[in-house]
């Protein structure tokens, strides 16, 4: 399997045009059987690296997943992280802010859920919703209780991008490594998956009229994503635009990006001091 993760990374300062980014690329697996073999290898390797990461306890890793409905975020998280020790991993899904959360700045509620050192934090949707869905539906912004002077749509998004970049830089300087994934789904593939959810009784619970209403804003969402990716992909917290029309390919690509990041960290198991070694030898004699 040959995956060049740089092919999917948004360079810092690049203006993103999502029409030029593919929603499907050449398969990195040759068959369904080979896909399962490759994913198993990646899951096992990630499990070993996560164990080292937990023991080393110097870095935190934050994985952010954003996408249109039915792009496969949940499945990607479930498959890729299937071998990770739950003790070292935390998953949070962010929906509409509560009344209490709206009394704070837009980054407050997610800040409570950031991973500790030695742990992997996963945000299934995130603070980026505040420059995506809120931008597409400005009535949400107007209902957040902010001073009128802060509601100017000519400046509010740039200011929020700046707040996000500043916060992510701060986290990086304090040992958190951030990877951000936009699962790039085509409008036609979303339609197919919506129909599948309607036709399969076991998937009916995943679909509602709200999903079809949001689909009507597809073009507005693409513009919001383009602006967001362009403004907030940095060297310290890069965005990866991952083709999402083929779920198997998507999972293998994301998994490789995560593995490469862990391998880039200078991690090792804590060294045992001579005093501790002597203590262990004494315990051995008692066993």
C-alpha atoms as a PDB file:
ATOM      1  CA  UNK A   1       0.000   0.000   0.000  1.00  0.00           C
ATOM      2  CA  UNK A   2       1.452   3.322  -1.073  1.00  0.00           C
ATOM      3  CA  UNK A   3      -0.177   6.402   0.449  1.00  0.00           C
ATOM      4  CA  UNK A   4       1.475   9.805   0.215  1.00  0.00           C
ATOM      5  CA  UNK A   5      -0.314  11.752   2.931  1.00  0.00           C
ATOM      6  CA  UNK A   6       0.934  15.057   1.517  1.00  0.00           C
ATOM      7  CA  UNK A   7      -1.432  14.520  -1.413  1.00  0.00           C
ATOM      8  CA  UNK A   8      -4.328  15.208   0.945  1.00  0.00           C
ATOM      9  CA  UNK A   9      -2.871  17.957   3.129  1.00  0.00           C
ATOM     10  CA  UNK A  10      -3.956  21.568   2.636  1.00  0.00           C
ATOM     11  CA  UNK A  11      -0.754  23.663   2.614  1.00  0.00           C
ATOM     12  CA  UNK A  12      -0.717  26.670   4.911  1.00  0.00           C
ATOM     13  CA  UNK A  13      -1.926  29.771   3.058  1.00  0.00           C
ATOM     14  CA  UNK A  14      -3.434  27.824   0.148  1.00  0.00           C
ATOM     15  CA  UNK A  15      -6.799  28.976  -1.181  1.00  0.00           C
ATOM     16  CA  UNK A  16      -8.975  25.874  -1.393  1.00  0.00           C
ATOM     17  CA  UNK A  17     -11.325  25.188  -4.288  1.00  0.00           C
ATOM     18  CA  UNK A  18     -13.093  21.944  -3.389  1.00  0.00           C
ATOM     19  CA  UNK A  19     -14.130  21.349  -6.992  1.00  0.00           C
ATOM     20  CA  UNK A  20     -10.444  20.684  -7.694  1.00  0.00           C
ATOM     21  CA  UNK A  21     -10.102  18.206  -4.834  1.00  0.00           C
ATOM     22  CA  UNK A  22     -11.301  14.691  -5.733  1.00  0.00           C
ATOM     23  CA  UNK A  23     -14.001  12.878  -3.807  1.00  0.00           C
ATOM     24  CA  UNK A  24     -12.617   9.555  -5.053  1.00  0.00           C
ATOM     25  CA  UNK A  25      -9.076   8.435  -5.924  1.00  0.00           C
ATOM     26  CA  UNK A  26      -7.454   5.222  -7.102  1.00  0.00           C
ATOM     27  CA  UNK A  27      -7.988   2.425  -4.612  1.00  0.00           C
ATOM     28  CA  UNK A  28      -5.041   1.697  -2.337  1.00  0.00           C
ATOM     29  CA  UNK A  29      -6.363  -1.850  -1.850  1.00  0.00           C
ATOM     30  CA  UNK A  30      -6.809  -4.523  -4.533  1.00  0.00           C
ATOM     31  CA  UNK A  31      -9.781  -6.397  -3.064  1.00  0.00           C
ATOM     32  CA  UNK A  32     -12.145  -6.438  -0.104  1.00  0.00           C
ATOM     33  CA  UNK A  33      -9.991  -9.143   1.499  1.00  0.00           C
ATOM     34  CA  UNK A  34      -6.853  -7.051   1.003  1.00  0.00           C
ATOM     35  CA  UNK A  35      -8.610  -4.014   2.485  1.00  0.00           C
ATOM     36  CA  UNK A  36      -9.328  -5.930   5.682  1.00  0.00           C
ATOM     37  CA  UNK A  37      -5.730  -7.168   5.831  1.00  0.00           C
ATOM     38  CA  UNK A  38      -4.344  -3.656   5.419  1.00  0.00           C
ATOM     39  CA  UNK A  39      -6.710  -2.133   7.946  1.00  0.00           C
ATOM     40  CA  UNK A  40      -5.877  -4.887  10.440  1.00  0.00           C
ATOM     41  CA  UNK A  41      -2.163  -4.132  10.033  1.00  0.00           C
ATOM     42  CA  UNK A  42      -2.767  -0.427  10.584  1.00  0.00           C
ATOM     43  CA  UNK A  43      -5.002  -1.003  13.612  1.00  0.00           C
ATOM     44  CA  UNK A  44      -2.401  -3.264  15.222  1.00  0.00           C
ATOM     45  CA  UNK A  45       0.388  -0.756  14.571  1.00  0.00           C
ATOM     46  CA  UNK A  46      -1.708   2.094  15.950  1.00  0.00           C
ATOM     47  CA  UNK A  47      -2.459   0.035  19.048  1.00  0.00           C
ATOM     48  CA  UNK A  48       1.269  -0.390  19.733  1.00  0.00           C
ATOM     49  CA  UNK A  49       1.978   3.291  19.140  1.00  0.00           C
ATOM     50  CA  UNK A  50      -0.924   4.336  21.340  1.00  0.00           C
ATOM     51  CA  UNK A  51       0.454   2.189  24.155  1.00  0.00           C
ATOM     52  CA  UNK A  52       3.829   3.915  23.792  1.00  0.00           C
ATOM     53  CA  UNK A  53       2.113   7.310  23.607  1.00  0.00           C
ATOM     54  CA  UNK A  54       0.247   6.590  26.849  1.00  0.00           C
ATOM     55  CA  UNK A  55       3.393   5.456  28.643  1.00  0.00           C
ATOM     56  CA  UNK A  56       5.536   8.337  27.346  1.00  0.00           C
ATOM     57  CA  UNK A  57       2.933  10.842  28.573  1.00  0.00           C
ATOM     58  CA  UNK A  58       4.452  13.936  26.956  1.00  0.00           C
ATOM     59  CA  UNK A  59       2.095  14.620  24.034  1.00  0.00           C
ATOM     60  CA  UNK A  60      -1.644  14.751  23.545  1.00  0.00           C
ATOM     61  CA  UNK A  61      -3.169  13.998  20.131  1.00  0.00           C
ATOM     62  CA  UNK A  62      -6.389  15.623  18.948  1.00  0.00           C
ATOM     63  CA  UNK A  63      -8.191  14.260  15.891  1.00  0.00           C
ATOM     64  CA  UNK A  64     -10.947  16.442  14.431  1.00  0.00           C
ATOM     65  CA  UNK A  65     -13.495  15.073  11.955  1.00  0.00           C
ATOM     66  CA  UNK A  66     -15.742  17.346   9.896  1.00  0.00           C
ATOM     67  CA  UNK A  67     -17.935  16.455   6.932  1.00  0.00           C
ATOM     68  CA  UNK A  68     -21.316  16.677   5.336  1.00  0.00           C
ATOM     69  CA  UNK A  69     -23.945  14.188   6.521  1.00  0.00           C
ATOM     70  CA  UNK A  70     -23.349  10.534   5.503  1.00  0.00           C
ATOM     71  CA  UNK A  71     -19.673  11.090   4.691  1.00  0.00           C
ATOM     72  CA  UNK A  72     -18.633   8.269   7.035  1.00  0.00           C
ATOM     73  CA  UNK A  73     -17.144  10.009  10.076  1.00  0.00           C
ATOM     74  CA  UNK A  74     -18.612   7.558  12.590  1.00  0.00           C
ATOM     75  CA  UNK A  75     -17.521   4.517  10.597  1.00  0.00           C
ATOM     76  CA  UNK A  76     -14.011   5.858  10.102  1.00  0.00           C
ATOM     77  CA  UNK A  77     -13.601   6.496  13.827  1.00  0.00           C
ATOM     78  CA  UNK A  78     -15.049   3.093  14.728  1.00  0.00           C
ATOM     79  CA  UNK A  79     -12.877   1.088  12.319  1.00  0.00           C
ATOM     80  CA  UNK A  80      -9.590   2.966  12.674  1.00  0.00           C
ATOM     81  CA  UNK A  81      -9.676   3.177  16.464  1.00  0.00           C
ATOM     82  CA  UNK A  82     -10.992  -0.362  17.003  1.00  0.00           C
ATOM     83  CA  UNK A  83      -7.691  -1.571  18.477  1.00  0.00           C
ATOM     84  CA  UNK A  84      -7.022   1.395  20.732  1.00  0.00           C
ATOM     85  CA  UNK A  85      -7.234   0.942  24.490  1.00  0.00           C
ATOM     86  CA  UNK A  86     -10.326   2.905  25.622  1.00  0.00           C
ATOM     87  CA  UNK A  87      -8.358   4.035  28.679  1.00  0.00           C
ATOM     88  CA  UNK A  88      -6.193   6.181  26.415  1.00  0.00           C
ATOM     89  CA  UNK A  89      -8.839   7.515  24.044  1.00  0.00           C
ATOM     90  CA  UNK A  90     -11.799   9.877  24.391  1.00  0.00           C
ATOM     91  CA  UNK A  91     -14.499  10.581  21.772  1.00  0.00           C
ATOM     92  CA  UNK A  92     -16.782  13.600  21.899  1.00  0.00           C
ATOM     93  CA  UNK A  93     -19.614  14.540  19.547  1.00  0.00           C
ATOM     94  CA  UNK A  94     -20.761  18.152  19.520  1.00  0.00           C
ATOM     95  CA  UNK A  95     -24.285  19.100  18.546  1.00  0.00           C
ATOM     96  CA  UNK A  96     -26.253  22.279  19.304  1.00  0.00           C
ATOM     97  CA  UNK A  97     -24.767  24.247  22.239  1.00  0.00           C
ATOM     98  CA  UNK A  98     -26.668  24.170  25.509  1.00  0.00           C
ATOM     99  CA  UNK A  99     -27.964  27.305  27.210  1.00  0.00           C
ATOM    100  CA  UNK A 100     -25.008  27.248  29.594  1.00  0.00           C
ATOM    101  CA  UNK A 101     -22.499  26.807  26.743  1.00  0.00           C
ATOM    102  CA  UNK A 102     -23.969  29.814  24.937  1.00  0.00           C
ATOM    103  CA  UNK A 103     -23.093  31.944  27.963  1.00  0.00           C
ATOM    104  CA  UNK A 104     -19.401  31.420  27.147  1.00  0.00           C
ATOM    105  CA  UNK A 105     -17.157  32.092  24.150  1.00  0.00           C
ATOM    106  CA  UNK A 106     -17.548  29.687  21.210  1.00  0.00           C
ATOM    107  CA  UNK A 107     -14.391  27.719  22.078  1.00  0.00           C
ATOM    108  CA  UNK A 108     -15.305  27.136  25.726  1.00  0.00           C
ATOM    109  CA  UNK A 109     -17.360  23.959  25.467  1.00  0.00           C
ATOM    110  CA  UNK A 110     -14.810  22.080  23.373  1.00  0.00           C
ATOM    111  CA  UNK A 111     -11.940  23.275  25.549  1.00  0.00           C
ATOM    112  CA  UNK A 112     -13.431  21.254  28.423  1.00  0.00           C
ATOM    113  CA  UNK A 113     -12.953  18.102  26.351  1.00  0.00           C
ATOM    114  CA  UNK A 114      -9.353  18.477  25.160  1.00  0.00           C
ATOM    115  CA  UNK A 115      -7.209  15.369  25.674  1.00  0.00           C
ATOM    116  CA  UNK A 116      -4.694  15.114  28.483  1.00  0.00           C
ATOM    117  CA  UNK A 117      -1.084  14.217  27.770  1.00  0.00           C
ATOM    118  CA  UNK A 118      -0.769  10.573  26.852  1.00  0.00           C
ATOM    119  CA  UNK A 119      -4.283  10.407  25.446  1.00  0.00           C
ATOM    120  CA  UNK A 120      -5.978  10.625  22.067  1.00  0.00           C
ATOM    121  CA  UNK A 121      -8.963  12.965  21.843  1.00  0.00           C
ATOM    122  CA  UNK A 122     -11.444  12.634  18.991  1.00  0.00           C
ATOM    123  CA  UNK A 123     -13.882  15.393  18.096  1.00  0.00           C
ATOM    124  CA  UNK A 124     -16.730  14.145  15.899  1.00  0.00           C
ATOM    125  CA  UNK A 125     -17.638  17.648  14.734  1.00  0.00           C
ATOM    126  CA  UNK A 126     -16.008  20.395  16.746  1.00  0.00           C
ATOM    127  CA  UNK A 127     -15.589  24.122  17.299  1.00  0.00           C
ATOM    128  CA  UNK A 128     -15.411  24.363  13.504  1.00  0.00           C
ATOM    129  CA  UNK A 129     -19.200  24.088  13.472  1.00  0.00           C
ATOM    130  CA  UNK A 130     -19.110  27.721  14.620  1.00  0.00           C
ATOM    131  CA  UNK A 131     -17.682  28.799  11.244  1.00  0.00           C
ATOM    132  CA  UNK A 132     -19.587  26.236   9.151  1.00  0.00           C
ATOM    133  CA  UNK A 133     -23.206  25.632  10.116  1.00  0.00           C
ATOM    134  CA  UNK A 134     -23.357  29.018  11.860  1.00  0.00           C
ATOM    135  CA  UNK A 135     -22.046  30.702   8.720  1.00  0.00           C
ATOM    136  CA  UNK A 136     -24.574  28.905   6.511  1.00  0.00           C
ATOM    137  CA  UNK A 137     -27.355  29.746   8.989  1.00  0.00           C
ATOM    138  CA  UNK A 138     -26.533  33.242  10.303  1.00  0.00           C
ATOM    139  CA  UNK A 139     -29.719  33.252  12.356  1.00  0.00           C
ATOM    140  CA  UNK A 140     -27.848  30.921  14.742  1.00  0.00           C
ATOM    141  CA  UNK A 141     -25.161  33.561  15.180  1.00  0.00           C
ATOM    142  CA  UNK A 142     -27.770  36.193  15.974  1.00  0.00           C
ATOM    143  CA  UNK A 143     -29.283  33.946  18.651  1.00  0.00           C
ATOM    144  CA  UNK A 144     -26.001  33.456  20.542  1.00  0.00           C
ATOM    145  CA  UNK A 145     -26.402  36.513  22.739  1.00  0.00           C
ATOM    146  CA  UNK A 146     -23.353  38.365  21.451  1.00  0.00           C
ATOM    147  CA  UNK A 147     -23.109  42.183  21.421  1.00  0.00           C
ATOM    148  CA  UNK A 148     -24.400  43.689  18.183  1.00  0.00           C
ATOM    149  CA  UNK A 149     -20.950  45.104  17.457  1.00  0.00           C
ATOM    150  CA  UNK A 150     -19.600  41.540  17.125  1.00  0.00           C
ATOM    151  CA  UNK A 151     -22.206  40.347  14.647  1.00  0.00           C
ATOM    152  CA  UNK A 152     -20.824  42.038  11.537  1.00  0.00           C
ATOM    153  CA  UNK A 153     -20.608  39.191   8.989  1.00  0.00           C
ATOM    154  CA  UNK A 154     -17.863  41.083   7.149  1.00  0.00           C
ATOM    155  CA  UNK A 155     -15.500  40.541  10.069  1.00  0.00           C
ATOM    156  CA  UNK A 156     -16.903  37.892  12.426  1.00  0.00           C
ATOM    157  CA  UNK A 157     -15.673  34.872  10.448  1.00  0.00           C
ATOM    158  CA  UNK A 158     -12.133  36.214  10.044  1.00  0.00           C
ATOM    159  CA  UNK A 159     -12.062  36.942  13.750  1.00  0.00           C
ATOM    160  CA  UNK A 160     -13.247  33.435  14.584  1.00  0.00           C
ATOM    161  CA  UNK A 161     -10.643  31.916  12.250  1.00  0.00           C
ATOM    162  CA  UNK A 162      -8.002  33.943  14.066  1.00  0.00           C
ATOM    163  CA  UNK A 163      -9.246  32.732  17.451  1.00  0.00           C
ATOM    164  CA  UNK A 164      -9.122  29.129  16.240  1.00  0.00           C
ATOM    165  CA  UNK A 165      -5.622  29.401  14.783  1.00  0.00           C
ATOM    166  CA  UNK A 166      -4.325  31.160  17.899  1.00  0.00           C
ATOM    167  CA  UNK A 167      -5.831  28.470  20.127  1.00  0.00           C
ATOM    168  CA  UNK A 168      -4.432  25.621  18.023  1.00  0.00           C
ATOM    169  CA  UNK A 169      -0.978  27.229  18.011  1.00  0.00           C
ATOM    170  CA  UNK A 170      -1.200  27.516  21.797  1.00  0.00           C
ATOM    171  CA  UNK A 171      -2.088  23.824  22.100  1.00  0.00           C
ATOM    172  CA  UNK A 172       0.787  22.849  19.809  1.00  0.00           C
ATOM    173  CA  UNK A 173       3.250  24.834  21.905  1.00  0.00           C
ATOM    174  CA  UNK A 174       2.034  22.869  24.913  1.00  0.00           C
ATOM    175  CA  UNK A 175       2.416  19.416  23.417  1.00  0.00           C
ATOM    176  CA  UNK A 176      -0.899  18.744  21.673  1.00  0.00           C
ATOM    177  CA  UNK A 177      -0.632  17.487  18.099  1.00  0.00           C
ATOM    178  CA  UNK A 178      -3.713  18.291  16.027  1.00  0.00           C
ATOM    179  CA  UNK A 179      -4.900  16.532  12.870  1.00  0.00           C
ATOM    180  CA  UNK A 180      -8.041  17.765  11.114  1.00  0.00           C
ATOM    181  CA  UNK A 181      -9.915  15.658   8.581  1.00  0.00           C
ATOM    182  CA  UNK A 182     -12.518  16.909   6.128  1.00  0.00           C
ATOM    183  CA  UNK A 183     -14.194  13.878   4.567  1.00  0.00           C
ATOM    184  CA  UNK A 184     -14.861  15.124   1.040  1.00  0.00           C
ATOM    185  CA  UNK A 185     -18.078  13.515  -0.163  1.00  0.00           C
ATOM    186  CA  UNK A 186     -19.745  14.148  -3.517  1.00  0.00           C
ATOM    187  CA  UNK A 187     -23.342  15.313  -3.626  1.00  0.00           C
ATOM    188  CA  UNK A 188     -24.323  12.294  -5.719  1.00  0.00           C
ATOM    189  CA  UNK A 189     -22.750   9.826  -3.282  1.00  0.00           C
ATOM    190  CA  UNK A 190     -24.557  11.504  -0.386  1.00  0.00           C
ATOM    191  CA  UNK A 191     -27.829  10.997  -2.254  1.00  0.00           C
ATOM    192  CA  UNK A 192     -27.070   7.267  -2.675  1.00  0.00           C
ATOM    193  CA  UNK A 193     -26.281   6.893   1.016  1.00  0.00           C
ATOM    194  CA  UNK A 194     -29.429   8.750   2.048  1.00  0.00           C
ATOM    195  CA  UNK A 195     -31.535   6.394  -0.094  1.00  0.00           C
ATOM    196  CA  UNK A 196     -29.735   3.421   1.466  1.00  0.00           C
ATOM    197  CA  UNK A 197     -30.637   4.732   4.913  1.00  0.00           C
ATOM    198  CA  UNK A 198     -34.280   4.959   3.878  1.00  0.00           C
ATOM    199  CA  UNK A 199     -34.353   1.492   2.272  1.00  0.00           C
ATOM    200  CA  UNK A 200     -32.554  -0.316   5.108  1.00  0.00           C
ATOM    201  CA  UNK A 201     -34.743  -0.506   8.244  1.00  0.00           C
ATOM    202  CA  UNK A 202     -31.644  -0.872  10.427  1.00  0.00           C
ATOM    203  CA  UNK A 203     -30.398   2.490   9.153  1.00  0.00           C
ATOM    204  CA  UNK A 204     -33.684   4.414   9.360  1.00  0.00           C
ATOM    205  CA  UNK A 205     -32.659   5.898  12.698  1.00  0.00           C
ATOM    206  CA  UNK A 206     -29.752   7.676  10.981  1.00  0.00           C
ATOM    207  CA  UNK A 207     -31.999   9.741   8.733  1.00  0.00           C
ATOM    208  CA  UNK A 208     -34.525  12.535   9.296  1.00  0.00           C
ATOM    209  CA  UNK A 209     -36.167  15.371   7.408  1.00  0.00           C
ATOM    210  CA  UNK A 210     -33.558  17.737   8.877  1.00  0.00           C
ATOM    211  CA  UNK A 211     -30.876  15.940   6.841  1.00  0.00           C
ATOM    212  CA  UNK A 212     -32.659  16.555   3.546  1.00  0.00           C
ATOM    213  CA  UNK A 213     -33.222  20.198   4.513  1.00  0.00           C
ATOM    214  CA  UNK A 214     -29.486  20.691   5.111  1.00  0.00           C
ATOM    215  CA  UNK A 215     -28.749  19.088   1.744  1.00  0.00           C
ATOM    216  CA  UNK A 216     -30.488  22.059   0.101  1.00  0.00           C
ATOM    217  CA  UNK A 217     -27.636  24.238   1.390  1.00  0.00           C
ATOM    218  CA  UNK A 218     -24.921  22.111  -0.245  1.00  0.00           C
ATOM    219  CA  UNK A 219     -23.357  24.942  -2.248  1.00  0.00           C
ATOM    220  CA  UNK A 220     -23.318  27.275   0.749  1.00  0.00           C
ATOM    221  CA  UNK A 221     -21.628  24.591   2.841  1.00  0.00           C
ATOM    222  CA  UNK A 222     -18.964  24.050   0.200  1.00  0.00           C
ATOM    223  CA  UNK A 223     -18.176  27.766   0.222  1.00  0.00           C
ATOM    224  CA  UNK A 224     -18.035  27.768   4.025  1.00  0.00           C
ATOM    225  CA  UNK A 225     -15.690  24.774   4.022  1.00  0.00           C
ATOM    226  CA  UNK A 226     -13.463  26.347   1.384  1.00  0.00           C
ATOM    227  CA  UNK A 227     -13.096  29.521   3.424  1.00  0.00           C
ATOM    228  CA  UNK A 228     -12.514  27.576   6.631  1.00  0.00           C
ATOM    229  CA  UNK A 229      -9.913  25.192   5.184  1.00  0.00           C
ATOM    230  CA  UNK A 230      -8.087  28.065   3.508  1.00  0.00           C
ATOM    231  CA  UNK A 231      -7.934  30.156   6.685  1.00  0.00           C
ATOM    232  CA  UNK A 232      -7.176  27.509   9.315  1.00  0.00           C
ATOM    233  CA  UNK A 233      -4.873  24.902   7.784  1.00  0.00           C
ATOM    234  CA  UNK A 234      -1.458  25.515   9.319  1.00  0.00           C
ATOM    235  CA  UNK A 235       1.818  23.668   9.720  1.00  0.00           C
ATOM    236  CA  UNK A 236       0.993  23.029  13.373  1.00  0.00           C
ATOM    237  CA  UNK A 237      -2.629  21.993  12.786  1.00  0.00           C
ATOM    238  CA  UNK A 238      -3.087  20.888   9.160  1.00  0.00           C
ATOM    239  CA  UNK A 239      -6.311  20.044   7.403  1.00  0.00           C
ATOM    240  CA  UNK A 240      -6.486  16.901   5.277  1.00  0.00           C
ATOM    241  CA  UNK A 241      -9.112  16.726   2.544  1.00  0.00           C
ATOM    242  CA  UNK A 242      -9.792  12.994   2.344  1.00  0.00           C
ATOM    243  CA  UNK A 243     -11.818  11.608  -0.591  1.00  0.00           C
ATOM    244  CA  UNK A 244     -14.897  10.023   0.983  1.00  0.00           C
ATOM    245  CA  UNK A 245     -16.877   8.401  -1.833  1.00  0.00           C
ATOM    246  CA  UNK A 246     -15.076   5.093  -1.123  1.00  0.00           C
ATOM    247  CA  UNK A 247     -15.325   4.398   2.619  1.00  0.00           C
ATOM    248  CA  UNK A 248     -12.612   1.730   2.593  1.00  0.00           C
ATOM    249  CA  UNK A 249     -10.132   4.024   0.887  1.00  0.00           C
ATOM    250  CA  UNK A 250     -11.078   6.828   3.274  1.00  0.00           C
ATOM    251  CA  UNK A 251     -10.316   4.725   6.337  1.00  0.00           C
ATOM    252  CA  UNK A 252      -6.947   3.520   5.046  1.00  0.00           C
ATOM    253  CA  UNK A 253      -5.853   7.055   4.146  1.00  0.00           C
ATOM    254  CA  UNK A 254      -6.898   8.551   7.496  1.00  0.00           C
ATOM    255  CA  UNK A 255      -5.277   5.706   9.388  1.00  0.00           C
ATOM    256  CA  UNK A 256      -1.995   6.236   7.547  1.00  0.00           C
ATOM    257  CA  UNK A 257      -2.009   9.957   8.333  1.00  0.00           C
ATOM    258  CA  UNK A 258      -2.498   9.194  12.030  1.00  0.00           C
ATOM    259  CA  UNK A 259       0.248   6.554  12.001  1.00  0.00           C
ATOM    260  CA  UNK A 260       2.706   8.895  10.294  1.00  0.00           C
ATOM    261  CA  UNK A 261       2.033  11.547  12.928  1.00  0.00           C
ATOM    262  CA  UNK A 262       2.655   9.177  15.821  1.00  0.00           C
ATOM    263  CA  UNK A 263       5.855   7.929  14.188  1.00  0.00           C
ATOM    264  CA  UNK A 264       7.096  11.512  13.864  1.00  0.00           C
ATOM    265  CA  UNK A 265       6.974  12.005  17.639  1.00  0.00           C
ATOM    266  CA  UNK A 266      10.159  11.317  19.577  1.00  0.00           C
ATOM    267  CA  UNK A 267       8.632   8.810  21.977  1.00  0.00           C
ATOM    268  CA  UNK A 268      10.172   6.108  24.119  1.00  0.00           C
ATOM    269  CA  UNK A 269       9.153   4.095  27.136  1.00  0.00           C
ATOM    270  CA  UNK A 270      10.255   5.650  30.437  1.00  0.00           C
ATOM    271  CA  UNK A 271      13.673   4.412  31.552  1.00  0.00           C
ATOM    272  CA  UNK A 272      13.849   2.452  34.766  1.00  0.00           C
ATOM    273  CA  UNK A 273      16.130   3.979  37.379  1.00  0.00           C
ATOM    274  CA  UNK A 274      18.750   1.849  39.119  1.00  0.00           C
ATOM    275  CA  UNK A 275      16.860   2.248  42.394  1.00  0.00           C
ATOM    276  CA  UNK A 276      13.619   1.039  40.796  1.00  0.00           C
ATOM    277  CA  UNK A 277      15.455  -1.846  39.122  1.00  0.00           C
ATOM    278  CA  UNK A 278      16.797  -2.972  42.477  1.00  0.00           C
ATOM    279  CA  UNK A 279      13.307  -2.716  43.937  1.00  0.00           C
ATOM    280  CA  UNK A 280      11.939  -4.892  41.134  1.00  0.00           C
ATOM    281  CA  UNK A 281      14.649  -7.488  41.677  1.00  0.00           C
ATOM    282  CA  UNK A 282      13.768  -7.564  45.349  1.00  0.00           C
ATOM    283  CA  UNK A 283      10.094  -8.141  44.464  1.00  0.00           C
ATOM    284  CA  UNK A 284      11.095 -10.924  42.057  1.00  0.00           C
ATOM    285  CA  UNK A 285      12.796 -12.799  44.891  1.00  0.00           C
ATOM    286  CA  UNK A 286       9.597 -12.599  46.918  1.00  0.00           C
ATOM    287  CA  UNK A 287       7.480 -14.118  44.160  1.00  0.00           C
END
